[in-house]
Protein backbone atom coordinates (compact mmCIF):
# COMPACT_ATOMS: atom_id res chain seq x y z
CA MET A 1 78.58 121.48 86.15
CA LYS A 2 75.58 123.97 87.22
CA ILE A 3 72.15 122.43 87.15
CA SER A 4 68.98 123.55 87.67
CA ALA A 5 66.68 120.23 88.17
CA TYR A 6 67.78 116.70 89.37
CA GLU A 7 66.32 113.37 89.44
CA ILE A 8 68.10 110.78 91.88
CA ASN A 9 68.80 107.80 89.65
CA ASP A 10 71.01 104.47 89.90
CA GLY A 11 73.97 106.39 89.35
CA THR A 12 73.92 108.68 92.24
CA TYR A 13 76.31 108.13 94.68
CA ALA A 14 75.71 111.19 97.24
CA ILE A 15 73.79 114.31 98.00
CA TYR A 16 75.84 116.93 100.26
CA ALA A 17 75.31 120.82 101.11
CA ASN A 18 77.75 122.70 99.17
CA ASN A 19 76.57 126.14 100.95
CA GLN A 20 73.80 127.80 102.85
CA SER A 21 70.90 126.40 100.11
CA GLY A 22 72.64 124.46 97.41
CA SER A 23 74.39 121.08 96.86
CA LYS A 24 76.51 118.72 95.16
CA ILE A 25 75.50 115.33 93.69
CA LEU A 26 78.32 112.90 93.02
CA GLU A 27 77.47 110.68 90.44
CA GLU A 28 79.67 107.60 89.02
CA ASN A 29 81.88 110.34 86.23
CA GLU A 30 79.97 113.38 87.39
CA THR A 31 79.90 116.30 89.97
CA TYR A 32 76.88 118.18 89.59
CA GLU A 33 76.03 121.44 91.86
CA ILE A 34 72.27 122.98 92.37
CA GLU A 35 70.81 125.52 94.40
CA GLN A 36 68.51 123.33 96.14
CA ASN A 37 69.47 121.83 99.63
CA PRO A 38 69.70 117.81 99.90
CA SER A 39 66.63 116.93 101.62
CA ARG A 40 64.92 118.64 99.07
CA ILE A 41 66.36 116.45 96.78
CA ILE A 42 65.52 113.55 98.43
CA ASP A 43 62.08 114.51 98.60
CA TYR A 44 61.72 115.43 95.09
CA GLY A 45 63.16 111.95 94.44
CA CYS A 46 60.72 109.85 96.55
CA ASN A 47 57.60 112.18 94.65
CA TYR A 48 59.58 110.85 91.15
CA PHE A 49 59.32 107.46 91.89
CA GLY A 50 55.51 107.87 93.25
CA SER A 51 55.57 108.36 96.79
CA SER A 52 56.51 110.76 99.38
CA TYR A 53 59.21 111.58 101.44
CA LYS A 54 56.79 111.24 104.29
CA GLY A 55 55.30 107.91 103.49
CA ARG A 56 59.02 106.46 102.53
CA ARG A 57 60.65 107.61 106.13
CA ASP A 58 56.95 106.02 107.61
CA GLY A 59 57.77 102.77 105.94
CA SER A 60 61.53 102.75 107.28
CA ILE A 61 60.38 103.40 110.74
CA LEU A 62 57.81 100.87 110.62
CA ILE A 63 60.13 98.38 109.43
CA LEU A 64 63.04 99.33 111.76
CA ASN A 65 61.29 100.20 114.68
CA SER A 66 63.41 103.35 114.88
CA ARG A 67 62.49 107.14 114.26
CA TYR A 68 65.90 108.93 114.50
CA LYS A 69 67.99 109.43 111.10
CA VAL A 70 66.32 106.80 109.30
CA PRO A 71 67.11 105.42 105.60
CA ILE A 72 65.01 105.94 102.78
CA VAL A 73 64.31 103.84 99.90
CA ILE A 74 64.32 106.15 97.31
CA GLU A 75 62.76 103.78 94.55
CA ASP A 76 62.57 99.86 95.95
CA SER A 77 63.49 97.67 92.27
CA GLN A 78 66.20 99.21 91.90
CA ASN A 79 67.11 98.92 95.56
CA MET A 80 68.26 102.87 95.98
CA ILE A 81 68.51 103.30 99.77
CA PHE A 82 69.64 106.37 100.91
CA PHE A 83 70.79 106.99 104.40
CA PRO A 84 71.16 110.73 106.07
CA THR A 85 74.14 111.90 108.08
CA GLY A 86 72.34 114.12 110.56
CA ASN A 87 69.08 115.28 110.69
CA LYS A 88 66.98 115.66 107.51
CA ASP A 89 66.41 119.65 108.41
CA ASP A 90 69.65 120.41 109.09
CA ILE A 91 70.90 122.26 105.97
CA HIS A 92 74.42 120.43 106.49
CA CYS A 93 72.83 117.01 106.24
CA SER A 94 74.36 114.64 103.55
CA TRP A 95 72.72 111.52 101.51
CA ILE A 96 74.62 108.83 100.58
CA ALA A 97 73.21 105.41 98.63
CA LEU A 98 74.33 102.64 100.75
CA ASN A 99 74.81 100.62 97.32
CA LYS A 100 77.83 103.02 96.21
CA VAL A 101 79.79 103.06 99.38
CA LYS A 102 83.03 101.01 99.21
CA SER A 103 84.61 101.60 102.21
CA TYR A 104 84.82 104.56 104.89
CA ALA A 105 87.42 105.31 107.69
CA PRO A 106 87.74 108.04 110.70
CA CYS A 107 89.40 110.74 109.87
CA GLY A 108 89.87 113.00 112.81
CA LYS A 109 86.36 114.04 113.87
CA LYS A 110 85.16 113.20 110.68
CA THR A 111 84.72 110.27 108.16
CA ARG A 112 86.26 109.83 105.00
CA VAL A 113 83.81 107.81 102.62
CA GLU A 114 85.35 106.04 99.48
CA PHE A 115 82.87 105.18 97.06
CA LEU A 116 82.75 102.65 93.98
CA ASN A 117 84.05 105.01 91.75
CA GLY A 118 86.91 105.63 93.13
CA LYS A 119 86.28 109.20 94.65
CA THR A 120 86.44 110.13 98.11
CA LEU A 121 84.52 112.80 100.28
CA THR A 122 84.58 113.38 104.22
CA PHE A 123 81.14 113.84 105.95
CA ASP A 124 81.41 116.10 109.11
CA VAL A 125 79.87 113.08 111.07
CA SER A 126 81.85 110.75 113.68
CA PHE A 127 83.01 107.47 112.36
CA ARG A 128 80.77 106.02 114.94
CA SER A 129 77.70 107.41 113.62
CA PHE A 130 78.29 107.26 110.19
CA GLN A 131 79.12 103.46 111.15
CA ASN A 132 75.19 103.28 112.60
CA GLN A 133 74.00 104.70 109.56
CA VAL A 134 75.54 102.20 107.39
CA LEU A 135 74.30 99.78 109.35
CA ARG A 136 70.77 100.66 110.01
CA ALA A 137 70.65 100.98 106.29
CA SER A 138 72.19 98.00 105.35
CA ARG A 139 69.34 96.29 107.89
CA LEU A 140 66.63 97.80 105.75
CA ASP A 141 68.33 96.47 102.72
CA SER A 142 68.16 92.87 104.17
CA ILE A 143 64.29 93.40 105.45
CA ILE A 144 63.23 94.36 102.47
CA THR A 145 65.05 92.14 100.32
CA ASN A 146 63.83 89.21 102.62
CA ARG A 147 60.07 90.32 102.14
CA LYS A 148 60.60 90.24 98.45
CA ARG A 149 61.99 86.83 98.58
CA LYS A 150 59.09 85.35 100.30
CA SER A 151 56.01 87.43 98.46
CA GLY A 152 55.81 85.20 95.31
CA PRO A 153 52.82 84.83 93.82
CA ASN A 154 50.21 83.10 96.28
CA GLU A 155 48.65 80.17 95.59
CA LYS A 156 44.95 79.61 95.09
CA LYS A 157 43.76 76.63 97.60
CA ASP A 158 40.87 74.73 97.17
């Protein structure tokens, strides 16, 4: 189904390049086509939830102490963490929701990903690189989750 605008939500599984300027968006029961590249959709998603891509990226860089292909938190109360398959500025860079990946395996020089909805996509990224991205995104998720647990209401001391 072709659409003209898209808001990332809890049902978003992956955003991947469809052609030179467009994207496909995989959701649980639907696949959409839009004439925007994946990184632009990610940027809009950050803005929609009250931040900027730069702000989200800078936060991830500080937390992970890494600057290369950093995952970002699109929306923190729903734990929507997406990771890129390559350089954000590459038109073929895809963005994948960490909590929607069921499994992944090598497929030649690419990586085949099975999502929780049973759909599979093959990404033009090596298995090792994809695995590193999953680990990096999982680490970001773990650190943020632990920080949320530790930061309960402050008790006033006399």
